[in-house]
Amino acid sequence: MFGGMDGKGIHNLLGVFSPDPVLSAIAPLGLAAAAGTCLVIDLGDDLELPPTRSLAALAAEGPRLDELSPGRGGVAVMGAGRLPINEAAPVIERLATRWPAVVVRVPGAVWPGRTVPVHPLLPGWAAPSLSAAAVWQRVAGGCAPPGPGPVLPRVRSATVRRLLAGRLPARSRWIHSWGQVWELPWA
C-alpha cells in the first residue's frame, strides 16, 4: 500500500511523535478524532488541559470504574502527571483493553509501543531527509515525501484553532484522512 506497508488491521493503541511543536499538539487529536471514541494521554504533560485526574493518580490510586471505559463517544484527554514512561506503560496498556482506541502523545521517540512519526513536508533546506515510514503533513510550498506513508492534506487554520481550543471540528478532511493511519503496521 505505502511502500511495503501492508495493513495488519486496526491497532487500538498508538503513540504519536512529531518534532514540529504544532503537529505534536494536534496530530494525536486528529488521530483520536478519526477513531471516533478515543482516549488521548499526554505523556509530555505540556498541553494545557482541564483539571482532571492524571495518569499518575490512576497508577497510585487505581482507576475508577468510570475511567476504565468511555461513558460516551468522542475524544477524552488525560495528562500523565509526571509519571515516568516505564510506570505509565502498564497503566496505559490496561486502559487500552477497555477503550476502543488510545493515543499516546509522546514527547520524544521514547514510547515502547507502536509509534507514528509525523513530519511536516517543509520546503528547501528544512525539508525532511529521513526515508523511514511516517505520516507526512503537507504545508504550503512544501516538498514531496522522502519516505513511505500516508500524506495528509493541508490542515486548515480553523481546524488547528478548534483543536487547540479543545473542540473538534464538525467535519474535516484532515481528520478524516487520519483514519488510514490506524490500519498501518507501525513499529
N, C-alpha and C. Protein backbone atom coordinates (compact mmCIF):
# COMPACT_ATOMS: atom_id res chain seq x y z
N MET A 1 0.82 -1.18 0.00
CA MET A 1 0.00 0.00 0.00
C MET A 1 0.87 1.25 0.00
N PHE A 2 1.68 1.47 1.05
CA PHE A 2 2.57 2.62 1.13
C PHE A 2 4.01 2.11 1.19
N GLY A 3 4.60 1.76 0.06
CA GLY A 3 5.99 1.32 0.03
C GLY A 3 6.26 0.12 0.90
N GLY A 4 5.44 -0.93 0.79
CA GLY A 4 5.67 -2.15 1.56
C GLY A 4 4.93 -2.16 2.89
N MET A 5 4.21 -1.11 3.23
CA MET A 5 3.45 -1.09 4.48
C MET A 5 2.07 -1.64 4.18
N ASP A 6 1.90 -2.94 4.31
CA ASP A 6 0.59 -3.53 4.05
C ASP A 6 -0.14 -3.65 5.39
N GLY A 7 -1.33 -3.10 5.47
CA GLY A 7 -2.07 -3.02 6.72
C GLY A 7 -2.21 -4.35 7.43
N LYS A 8 -2.09 -4.33 8.73
CA LYS A 8 -2.23 -5.53 9.54
C LYS A 8 -3.47 -5.44 10.42
N GLY A 9 -4.38 -4.55 10.11
CA GLY A 9 -5.59 -4.40 10.90
C GLY A 9 -5.47 -3.24 11.86
N ILE A 10 -6.58 -2.92 12.47
CA ILE A 10 -6.61 -1.76 13.37
C ILE A 10 -5.91 -2.08 14.67
N HIS A 11 -5.06 -1.17 15.09
CA HIS A 11 -4.43 -1.23 16.41
C HIS A 11 -5.27 -0.31 17.29
N ASN A 12 -5.41 -0.63 18.55
CA ASN A 12 -6.19 0.28 19.37
C ASN A 12 -5.31 1.13 20.28
N LEU A 13 -3.99 0.99 20.18
CA LEU A 13 -3.07 1.77 20.99
C LEU A 13 -1.89 2.21 20.13
N LEU A 14 -1.79 3.52 19.91
CA LEU A 14 -0.69 4.07 19.10
C LEU A 14 -0.10 5.29 19.79
N GLY A 15 1.22 5.38 19.78
CA GLY A 15 1.91 6.58 20.21
C GLY A 15 2.07 7.50 19.01
N VAL A 16 2.14 8.80 19.25
CA VAL A 16 2.35 9.78 18.18
C VAL A 16 3.47 10.72 18.60
N PHE A 17 4.45 10.88 17.70
CA PHE A 17 5.57 11.78 17.95
C PHE A 17 5.76 12.69 16.74
N SER A 18 6.02 13.96 16.99
CA SER A 18 6.38 14.89 15.92
C SER A 18 7.40 15.88 16.45
N PRO A 19 8.45 16.15 15.67
CA PRO A 19 9.42 17.16 16.08
C PRO A 19 8.87 18.58 15.93
N ASP A 20 7.78 18.73 15.20
CA ASP A 20 7.15 20.03 14.99
C ASP A 20 6.21 20.31 16.17
N PRO A 21 6.36 21.46 16.84
CA PRO A 21 5.53 21.71 18.03
C PRO A 21 4.02 21.77 17.78
N VAL A 22 3.60 22.31 16.65
CA VAL A 22 2.17 22.37 16.36
C VAL A 22 1.64 20.97 16.04
N LEU A 23 2.35 20.24 15.19
CA LEU A 23 1.93 18.87 14.87
C LEU A 23 1.97 17.98 16.11
N SER A 24 2.91 18.23 17.00
CA SER A 24 3.00 17.46 18.24
C SER A 24 1.72 17.60 19.06
N ALA A 25 1.11 18.78 19.00
CA ALA A 25 -0.11 19.03 19.76
C ALA A 25 -1.37 18.54 19.03
N ILE A 26 -1.44 18.74 17.71
CA ILE A 26 -2.70 18.44 17.01
C ILE A 26 -2.75 17.05 16.39
N ALA A 27 -1.61 16.44 16.06
CA ALA A 27 -1.61 15.12 15.43
C ALA A 27 -2.29 14.06 16.31
N PRO A 28 -1.98 13.98 17.61
CA PRO A 28 -2.68 12.99 18.44
C PRO A 28 -4.19 13.21 18.47
N LEU A 29 -4.61 14.47 18.45
CA LEU A 29 -6.04 14.77 18.47
C LEU A 29 -6.70 14.39 17.15
N GLY A 30 -6.00 14.61 16.03
CA GLY A 30 -6.53 14.21 14.73
C GLY A 30 -6.67 12.71 14.63
N LEU A 31 -5.65 11.98 15.08
CA LEU A 31 -5.70 10.51 15.06
C LEU A 31 -6.82 10.01 15.95
N ALA A 32 -6.97 10.62 17.13
CA ALA A 32 -8.03 10.22 18.06
C ALA A 32 -9.41 10.51 17.49
N ALA A 33 -9.59 11.68 16.90
CA ALA A 33 -10.89 12.04 16.33
C ALA A 33 -11.27 11.11 15.19
N ALA A 34 -10.29 10.66 14.42
CA ALA A 34 -10.56 9.72 13.32
C ALA A 34 -11.04 8.37 13.84
N ALA A 35 -10.65 8.02 15.06
CA ALA A 35 -11.07 6.75 15.65
C ALA A 35 -12.51 6.81 16.15
N GLY A 36 -13.00 8.01 16.40
CA GLY A 36 -14.37 8.16 16.92
C GLY A 36 -14.36 8.32 18.43
N THR A 37 -14.29 7.22 19.15
CA THR A 37 -14.20 7.25 20.60
C THR A 37 -12.79 6.85 20.98
N CYS A 38 -12.10 7.74 21.69
CA CYS A 38 -10.68 7.52 21.93
C CYS A 38 -10.23 8.27 23.18
N LEU A 39 -9.25 7.72 23.87
CA LEU A 39 -8.59 8.37 25.00
C LEU A 39 -7.21 8.81 24.54
N VAL A 40 -6.90 10.11 24.72
CA VAL A 40 -5.57 10.65 24.41
C VAL A 40 -4.86 10.87 25.74
N ILE A 41 -3.65 10.33 25.85
CA ILE A 41 -2.85 10.51 27.06
C ILE A 41 -1.62 11.32 26.68
N ASP A 42 -1.43 12.46 27.36
CA ASP A 42 -0.32 13.37 27.08
C ASP A 42 0.85 13.04 28.00
N LEU A 43 1.79 12.26 27.50
CA LEU A 43 2.98 11.94 28.30
C LEU A 43 3.91 13.13 28.44
N GLY A 44 3.80 14.08 27.53
CA GLY A 44 4.62 15.28 27.62
C GLY A 44 4.16 16.20 28.74
N ASP A 45 2.89 16.09 29.09
CA ASP A 45 2.31 16.89 30.17
C ASP A 45 2.54 18.38 29.97
N ASP A 46 2.62 18.83 28.71
CA ASP A 46 2.84 20.26 28.48
C ASP A 46 1.69 20.93 27.75
N LEU A 47 0.62 20.19 27.50
CA LEU A 47 -0.58 20.80 26.94
C LEU A 47 -1.41 21.35 28.10
N GLU A 48 -2.09 22.45 27.86
CA GLU A 48 -2.97 23.00 28.90
C GLU A 48 -4.29 22.24 28.83
N LEU A 49 -4.47 21.35 29.79
CA LEU A 49 -5.67 20.51 29.83
C LEU A 49 -6.56 20.95 30.99
N PRO A 50 -7.86 20.70 30.87
CA PRO A 50 -8.74 20.99 32.01
C PRO A 50 -8.34 20.12 33.20
N PRO A 51 -8.60 20.58 34.41
CA PRO A 51 -8.20 19.79 35.58
C PRO A 51 -9.00 18.49 35.67
N THR A 52 -8.32 17.40 35.50
CA THR A 52 -8.90 16.07 35.64
C THR A 52 -7.88 15.19 36.35
N ARG A 53 -8.29 14.00 36.69
CA ARG A 53 -7.32 13.07 37.30
C ARG A 53 -6.27 12.73 36.27
N SER A 54 -5.05 12.61 36.72
CA SER A 54 -3.95 12.30 35.82
C SER A 54 -3.68 10.80 35.80
N LEU A 55 -2.86 10.40 34.86
CA LEU A 55 -2.45 9.00 34.77
C LEU A 55 -1.69 8.60 36.03
N ALA A 56 -0.93 9.53 36.61
CA ALA A 56 -0.20 9.25 37.86
C ALA A 56 -1.17 8.92 38.98
N ALA A 57 -2.30 9.64 39.06
CA ALA A 57 -3.31 9.36 40.08
C ALA A 57 -3.94 7.98 39.84
N LEU A 58 -4.18 7.65 38.58
CA LEU A 58 -4.72 6.32 38.27
C LEU A 58 -3.75 5.23 38.69
N ALA A 59 -2.46 5.45 38.46
CA ALA A 59 -1.45 4.46 38.83
C ALA A 59 -1.36 4.31 40.35
N ALA A 60 -1.44 5.43 41.07
CA ALA A 60 -1.29 5.40 42.52
C ALA A 60 -2.54 4.87 43.22
N GLU A 61 -3.72 5.32 42.78
CA GLU A 61 -4.96 5.00 43.47
C GLU A 61 -5.79 3.93 42.78
N GLY A 62 -5.41 3.59 41.56
CA GLY A 62 -6.20 2.67 40.77
C GLY A 62 -7.30 3.42 40.05
N PRO A 63 -7.67 2.95 38.87
CA PRO A 63 -8.72 3.65 38.10
C PRO A 63 -10.10 3.40 38.70
N ARG A 64 -10.95 4.42 38.63
CA ARG A 64 -12.35 4.24 38.99
C ARG A 64 -13.03 3.51 37.84
N LEU A 65 -14.14 2.91 38.14
CA LEU A 65 -14.86 2.15 37.12
C LEU A 65 -15.19 3.00 35.90
N ASP A 66 -15.58 4.28 36.13
CA ASP A 66 -15.93 5.14 35.01
C ASP A 66 -14.71 5.57 34.18
N GLU A 67 -13.50 5.35 34.67
CA GLU A 67 -12.29 5.69 33.92
C GLU A 67 -11.78 4.53 33.09
N LEU A 68 -12.25 3.32 33.39
CA LEU A 68 -11.77 2.15 32.66
C LEU A 68 -12.30 2.07 31.23
N SER A 69 -13.45 2.68 30.99
CA SER A 69 -14.01 2.65 29.65
C SER A 69 -14.80 3.95 29.44
N PRO A 70 -15.03 4.30 28.18
CA PRO A 70 -15.70 5.58 27.91
C PRO A 70 -17.16 5.55 28.34
N GLY A 71 -17.62 6.67 28.89
CA GLY A 71 -19.02 6.81 29.25
C GLY A 71 -19.85 7.33 28.10
N ARG A 72 -19.19 7.92 27.10
CA ARG A 72 -19.86 8.45 25.91
C ARG A 72 -18.87 8.45 24.76
N GLY A 73 -19.34 8.69 23.57
CA GLY A 73 -18.46 8.76 22.41
C GLY A 73 -17.69 10.06 22.37
N GLY A 74 -16.62 10.08 21.62
CA GLY A 74 -15.82 11.28 21.45
C GLY A 74 -14.40 11.08 21.95
N VAL A 75 -13.69 12.19 22.06
CA VAL A 75 -12.28 12.15 22.45
C VAL A 75 -12.16 12.67 23.88
N ALA A 76 -11.47 11.90 24.72
CA ALA A 76 -11.14 12.31 26.09
C ALA A 76 -9.64 12.50 26.15
N VAL A 77 -9.19 13.49 26.93
CA VAL A 77 -7.76 13.78 27.03
C VAL A 77 -7.36 13.75 28.50
N MET A 78 -6.22 13.11 28.79
CA MET A 78 -5.72 12.98 30.15
C MET A 78 -4.22 13.26 30.17
N GLY A 79 -3.77 14.01 31.16
CA GLY A 79 -2.34 14.25 31.34
C GLY A 79 -1.69 13.09 32.08
N ALA A 80 -0.38 12.97 31.95
CA ALA A 80 0.34 11.89 32.62
C ALA A 80 0.62 12.20 34.08
N GLY A 81 0.70 13.47 34.43
CA GLY A 81 1.01 13.82 35.81
C GLY A 81 2.44 13.50 36.19
N ARG A 82 3.36 13.67 35.26
CA ARG A 82 4.79 13.44 35.50
C ARG A 82 5.11 11.99 35.88
N LEU A 83 4.31 11.08 35.41
CA LEU A 83 4.55 9.66 35.63
C LEU A 83 5.62 9.18 34.64
N PRO A 84 6.70 8.56 35.11
CA PRO A 84 7.73 8.07 34.17
C PRO A 84 7.14 7.06 33.20
N ILE A 85 7.69 7.02 32.00
CA ILE A 85 7.14 6.15 30.94
C ILE A 85 7.13 4.69 31.34
N ASN A 86 8.16 4.23 32.05
CA ASN A 86 8.19 2.81 32.43
C ASN A 86 7.07 2.47 33.41
N GLU A 87 6.57 3.45 34.18
CA GLU A 87 5.43 3.23 35.06
C GLU A 87 4.11 3.52 34.35
N ALA A 88 4.14 4.39 33.36
CA ALA A 88 2.93 4.75 32.63
C ALA A 88 2.48 3.64 31.68
N ALA A 89 3.42 2.96 31.05
CA ALA A 89 3.09 1.97 30.02
C ALA A 89 2.12 0.89 30.50
N PRO A 90 2.33 0.26 31.67
CA PRO A 90 1.36 -0.76 32.09
C PRO A 90 -0.05 -0.21 32.36
N VAL A 91 -0.12 1.01 32.90
CA VAL A 91 -1.43 1.62 33.16
C VAL A 91 -2.13 1.92 31.84
N ILE A 92 -1.38 2.45 30.88
CA ILE A 92 -1.95 2.76 29.56
C ILE A 92 -2.41 1.48 28.87
N GLU A 93 -1.61 0.43 28.95
CA GLU A 93 -2.00 -0.84 28.33
C GLU A 93 -3.27 -1.40 28.97
N ARG A 94 -3.41 -1.20 30.28
CA ARG A 94 -4.63 -1.66 30.95
C ARG A 94 -5.85 -0.87 30.45
N LEU A 95 -5.70 0.44 30.33
CA LEU A 95 -6.79 1.26 29.81
C LEU A 95 -7.14 0.86 28.37
N ALA A 96 -6.14 0.50 27.59
CA ALA A 96 -6.35 0.14 26.18
C ALA A 96 -7.15 -1.16 26.03
N THR A 97 -7.21 -1.97 27.07
CA THR A 97 -8.00 -3.20 26.96
C THR A 97 -9.50 -2.91 26.99
N ARG A 98 -9.90 -1.74 27.52
CA ARG A 98 -11.32 -1.40 27.64
C ARG A 98 -11.76 -0.24 26.76
N TRP A 99 -10.83 0.61 26.34
CA TRP A 99 -11.17 1.73 25.45
C TRP A 99 -11.10 1.24 24.01
N PRO A 100 -11.99 1.73 23.13
CA PRO A 100 -11.90 1.33 21.72
C PRO A 100 -10.58 1.73 21.07
N ALA A 101 -10.04 2.89 21.48
CA ALA A 101 -8.77 3.35 20.94
C ALA A 101 -8.08 4.24 21.97
N VAL A 102 -6.75 4.18 21.99
CA VAL A 102 -5.94 5.02 22.88
C VAL A 102 -4.79 5.59 22.06
N VAL A 103 -4.58 6.91 22.18
CA VAL A 103 -3.46 7.58 21.53
C VAL A 103 -2.58 8.16 22.63
N VAL A 104 -1.29 7.92 22.51
CA VAL A 104 -0.33 8.43 23.49
C VAL A 104 0.48 9.53 22.81
N ARG A 105 0.40 10.74 23.35
CA ARG A 105 1.21 11.86 22.83
C ARG A 105 2.59 11.72 23.46
N VAL A 106 3.56 11.40 22.63
CA VAL A 106 4.92 11.09 23.07
C VAL A 106 5.80 12.34 22.93
N PRO A 107 6.47 12.75 24.01
CA PRO A 107 7.31 13.95 23.94
C PRO A 107 8.60 13.75 23.16
N GLY A 108 9.00 12.57 22.91
CA GLY A 108 10.17 12.22 22.11
C GLY A 108 9.90 10.82 21.62
N ALA A 109 10.74 10.28 20.83
CA ALA A 109 10.51 8.93 20.31
C ALA A 109 10.88 7.89 21.36
N VAL A 110 10.23 7.95 22.54
CA VAL A 110 10.61 7.08 23.65
C VAL A 110 9.51 6.11 24.07
N TRP A 111 8.38 6.14 23.45
CA TRP A 111 7.29 5.23 23.80
C TRP A 111 7.65 3.81 23.38
N PRO A 112 7.51 2.80 24.27
CA PRO A 112 7.92 1.44 23.92
C PRO A 112 6.97 0.73 22.96
N GLY A 113 5.79 1.27 22.74
CA GLY A 113 4.83 0.63 21.84
C GLY A 113 4.91 1.16 20.43
N ARG A 114 3.92 0.82 19.63
CA ARG A 114 3.86 1.30 18.24
C ARG A 114 3.76 2.82 18.24
N THR A 115 4.63 3.44 17.46
CA THR A 115 4.70 4.91 17.43
C THR A 115 4.60 5.41 16.00
N VAL A 116 3.75 6.40 15.80
CA VAL A 116 3.55 7.01 14.49
C VAL A 116 4.34 8.31 14.45
N PRO A 117 5.41 8.37 13.64
CA PRO A 117 6.11 9.65 13.47
C PRO A 117 5.36 10.53 12.48
N VAL A 118 5.26 11.82 12.79
CA VAL A 118 4.55 12.76 11.93
C VAL A 118 5.51 13.89 11.59
N HIS A 119 5.74 14.10 10.29
CA HIS A 119 6.71 15.11 9.84
C HIS A 119 6.08 16.06 8.84
N PRO A 120 6.31 17.36 9.01
CA PRO A 120 5.83 18.32 8.01
C PRO A 120 6.71 18.27 6.77
N LEU A 121 6.10 18.43 5.62
CA LEU A 121 6.84 18.44 4.36
C LEU A 121 7.28 19.87 4.04
N LEU A 122 8.23 20.34 4.81
CA LEU A 122 8.72 21.71 4.68
C LEU A 122 9.55 21.88 3.40
N PRO A 123 9.60 23.07 2.85
CA PRO A 123 10.36 23.29 1.61
C PRO A 123 11.84 23.54 1.89
N GLY A 124 12.64 23.41 0.84
CA GLY A 124 14.04 23.81 0.86
C GLY A 124 14.90 23.08 1.87
N TRP A 125 15.79 23.82 2.52
CA TRP A 125 16.75 23.22 3.45
C TRP A 125 16.08 22.62 4.68
N ALA A 126 14.84 22.99 4.98
CA ALA A 126 14.12 22.46 6.13
C ALA A 126 13.36 21.17 5.80
N ALA A 127 13.44 20.72 4.54
CA ALA A 127 12.73 19.51 4.12
C ALA A 127 13.24 18.30 4.90
N PRO A 128 12.34 17.38 5.25
CA PRO A 128 12.78 16.18 5.97
C PRO A 128 13.68 15.33 5.09
N SER A 129 14.70 14.75 5.70
CA SER A 129 15.65 13.95 4.93
C SER A 129 15.55 12.46 5.25
N LEU A 130 14.77 12.08 6.24
CA LEU A 130 14.68 10.66 6.58
C LEU A 130 13.86 9.92 5.55
N SER A 131 14.12 8.63 5.42
CA SER A 131 13.39 7.84 4.42
C SER A 131 12.55 6.76 5.07
N ALA A 132 12.41 6.79 6.39
CA ALA A 132 11.59 5.80 7.09
C ALA A 132 10.11 6.12 6.91
N ALA A 133 9.27 5.14 7.19
CA ALA A 133 7.83 5.33 7.10
C ALA A 133 7.37 6.35 8.14
N ALA A 134 6.47 7.22 7.72
CA ALA A 134 5.93 8.25 8.60
C ALA A 134 4.62 8.74 8.04
N VAL A 135 3.93 9.55 8.82
CA VAL A 135 2.80 10.31 8.31
C VAL A 135 3.38 11.64 7.88
N TRP A 136 3.08 12.05 6.67
CA TRP A 136 3.66 13.27 6.10
C TRP A 136 2.57 14.33 6.01
N GLN A 137 2.85 15.49 6.57
CA GLN A 137 1.90 16.59 6.59
C GLN A 137 2.23 17.61 5.52
N ARG A 138 1.32 17.80 4.55
CA ARG A 138 1.52 18.82 3.52
C ARG A 138 1.49 20.21 4.14
N VAL A 139 2.34 21.10 3.63
CA VAL A 139 2.35 22.51 4.01
C VAL A 139 2.46 23.32 2.72
N ALA A 140 2.13 24.60 2.81
CA ALA A 140 2.21 25.47 1.64
C ALA A 140 3.64 25.50 1.10
N GLY A 141 3.81 25.25 -0.18
CA GLY A 141 5.12 25.29 -0.82
C GLY A 141 6.04 24.14 -0.41
N GLY A 142 5.49 23.11 0.18
CA GLY A 142 6.29 22.01 0.70
C GLY A 142 6.84 21.08 -0.37
N CYS A 143 7.59 20.09 0.09
CA CYS A 143 8.26 19.13 -0.79
C CYS A 143 7.46 17.83 -0.87
N ALA A 144 7.97 16.90 -1.66
CA ALA A 144 7.39 15.57 -1.76
C ALA A 144 7.87 14.73 -0.58
N PRO A 145 7.11 13.73 -0.17
CA PRO A 145 7.54 12.90 0.95
C PRO A 145 8.79 12.10 0.59
N PRO A 146 9.80 12.07 1.48
CA PRO A 146 11.03 11.33 1.19
C PRO A 146 10.92 9.84 1.51
N GLY A 147 9.84 9.41 2.13
CA GLY A 147 9.68 8.01 2.50
C GLY A 147 8.23 7.57 2.38
N PRO A 148 7.97 6.29 2.69
CA PRO A 148 6.61 5.76 2.57
C PRO A 148 5.72 6.26 3.70
N GLY A 149 4.44 6.22 3.45
CA GLY A 149 3.45 6.58 4.46
C GLY A 149 2.40 7.50 3.89
N PRO A 150 1.29 7.63 4.59
CA PRO A 150 0.23 8.50 4.10
C PRO A 150 0.62 9.96 4.12
N VAL A 151 0.13 10.71 3.15
CA VAL A 151 0.35 12.15 3.07
C VAL A 151 -0.99 12.82 3.38
N LEU A 152 -1.00 13.60 4.46
CA LEU A 152 -2.22 14.27 4.88
C LEU A 152 -2.42 15.56 4.08
N PRO A 153 -3.67 15.92 3.83
CA PRO A 153 -3.91 17.21 3.17
C PRO A 153 -3.53 18.35 4.11
N ARG A 154 -3.35 19.53 3.54
CA ARG A 154 -3.04 20.69 4.38
C ARG A 154 -4.14 20.87 5.41
N VAL A 155 -3.73 21.16 6.62
CA VAL A 155 -4.70 21.37 7.69
C VAL A 155 -5.12 22.84 7.69
N ARG A 156 -6.41 23.07 7.73
CA ARG A 156 -6.93 24.44 7.72
C ARG A 156 -6.64 25.11 9.06
N SER A 157 -6.39 26.39 9.03
CA SER A 157 -6.10 27.12 10.27
C SER A 157 -7.29 27.07 11.23
N ALA A 158 -8.51 27.03 10.71
CA ALA A 158 -9.69 26.92 11.57
C ALA A 158 -9.68 25.59 12.33
N THR A 159 -9.23 24.53 11.67
CA THR A 159 -9.14 23.22 12.32
C THR A 159 -8.11 23.26 13.43
N VAL A 160 -6.96 23.87 13.17
CA VAL A 160 -5.91 23.98 14.18
C VAL A 160 -6.43 24.77 15.39
N ARG A 161 -7.08 25.89 15.13
CA ARG A 161 -7.61 26.72 16.23
C ARG A 161 -8.62 25.95 17.07
N ARG A 162 -9.52 25.22 16.41
CA ARG A 162 -10.54 24.45 17.15
C ARG A 162 -9.88 23.36 17.99
N LEU A 163 -8.93 22.63 17.41
CA LEU A 163 -8.26 21.57 18.16
C LEU A 163 -7.51 22.11 19.37
N LEU A 164 -6.79 23.21 19.18
CA LEU A 164 -6.02 23.78 20.28
C LEU A 164 -6.93 24.40 21.35
N ALA A 165 -8.16 24.72 20.98
CA ALA A 165 -9.13 25.25 21.95
C ALA A 165 -9.92 24.13 22.64
N GLY A 166 -9.62 22.87 22.27
CA GLY A 166 -10.31 21.75 22.90
C GLY A 166 -11.62 21.36 22.26
N ARG A 167 -11.85 21.80 21.03
CA ARG A 167 -13.07 21.47 20.31
C ARG A 167 -12.71 20.74 19.02
N LEU A 168 -13.51 19.76 18.67
CA LEU A 168 -13.30 19.04 17.41
C LEU A 168 -14.15 19.67 16.32
N PRO A 169 -13.59 19.82 15.12
CA PRO A 169 -14.39 20.34 14.00
C PRO A 169 -15.50 19.37 13.65
N ALA A 170 -16.64 19.89 13.21
CA ALA A 170 -17.77 19.04 12.82
C ALA A 170 -17.38 18.13 11.66
N ARG A 171 -16.73 18.72 10.66
CA ARG A 171 -16.24 17.94 9.51
C ARG A 171 -14.88 18.47 9.14
N SER A 172 -13.97 17.56 8.85
CA SER A 172 -12.63 17.97 8.46
C SER A 172 -12.00 16.89 7.59
N ARG A 173 -11.61 17.27 6.39
CA ARG A 173 -10.93 16.32 5.50
C ARG A 173 -9.63 15.86 6.14
N TRP A 174 -8.98 16.77 6.88
CA TRP A 174 -7.72 16.44 7.54
C TRP A 174 -7.93 15.35 8.59
N ILE A 175 -8.94 15.49 9.43
CA ILE A 175 -9.22 14.47 10.45
C ILE A 175 -9.63 13.17 9.79
N HIS A 176 -10.48 13.24 8.79
CA HIS A 176 -10.90 12.02 8.09
C HIS A 176 -9.70 11.26 7.52
N SER A 177 -8.70 11.97 7.02
CA SER A 177 -7.53 11.32 6.42
C SER A 177 -6.70 10.55 7.45
N TRP A 178 -6.84 10.86 8.73
CA TRP A 178 -6.12 10.12 9.78
C TRP A 178 -6.63 8.69 9.93
N GLY A 179 -7.83 8.39 9.46
CA GLY A 179 -8.40 7.05 9.61
C GLY A 179 -7.51 5.95 9.06
N GLN A 180 -6.84 6.20 7.95
CA GLN A 180 -5.96 5.19 7.34
C GLN A 180 -4.76 4.85 8.22
N VAL A 181 -4.36 5.75 9.11
CA VAL A 181 -3.18 5.53 9.95
C VAL A 181 -3.40 4.37 10.91
N TRP A 182 -4.65 4.18 11.37
CA TRP A 182 -4.95 3.08 12.28
C TRP A 182 -4.73 1.71 11.63
N GLU A 183 -4.78 1.66 10.32
CA GLU A 183 -4.68 0.38 9.60
C GLU A 183 -3.25 -0.04 9.26
N LEU A 184 -2.29 0.83 9.47
CA LEU A 184 -0.92 0.54 9.04
C LEU A 184 -0.08 -0.07 10.15
N PRO A 185 0.90 -0.91 9.81
CA PRO A 185 1.72 -1.63 10.80
C PRO A 185 2.89 -0.79 11.32
N TRP A 186 2.63 0.08 12.26
CA TRP A 186 3.69 0.93 12.81
C TRP A 186 4.58 0.13 13.72
N ALA A 187 5.88 0.40 13.66
CA ALA A 187 6.84 -0.32 14.51
C ALA A 187 7.08 0.42 15.80
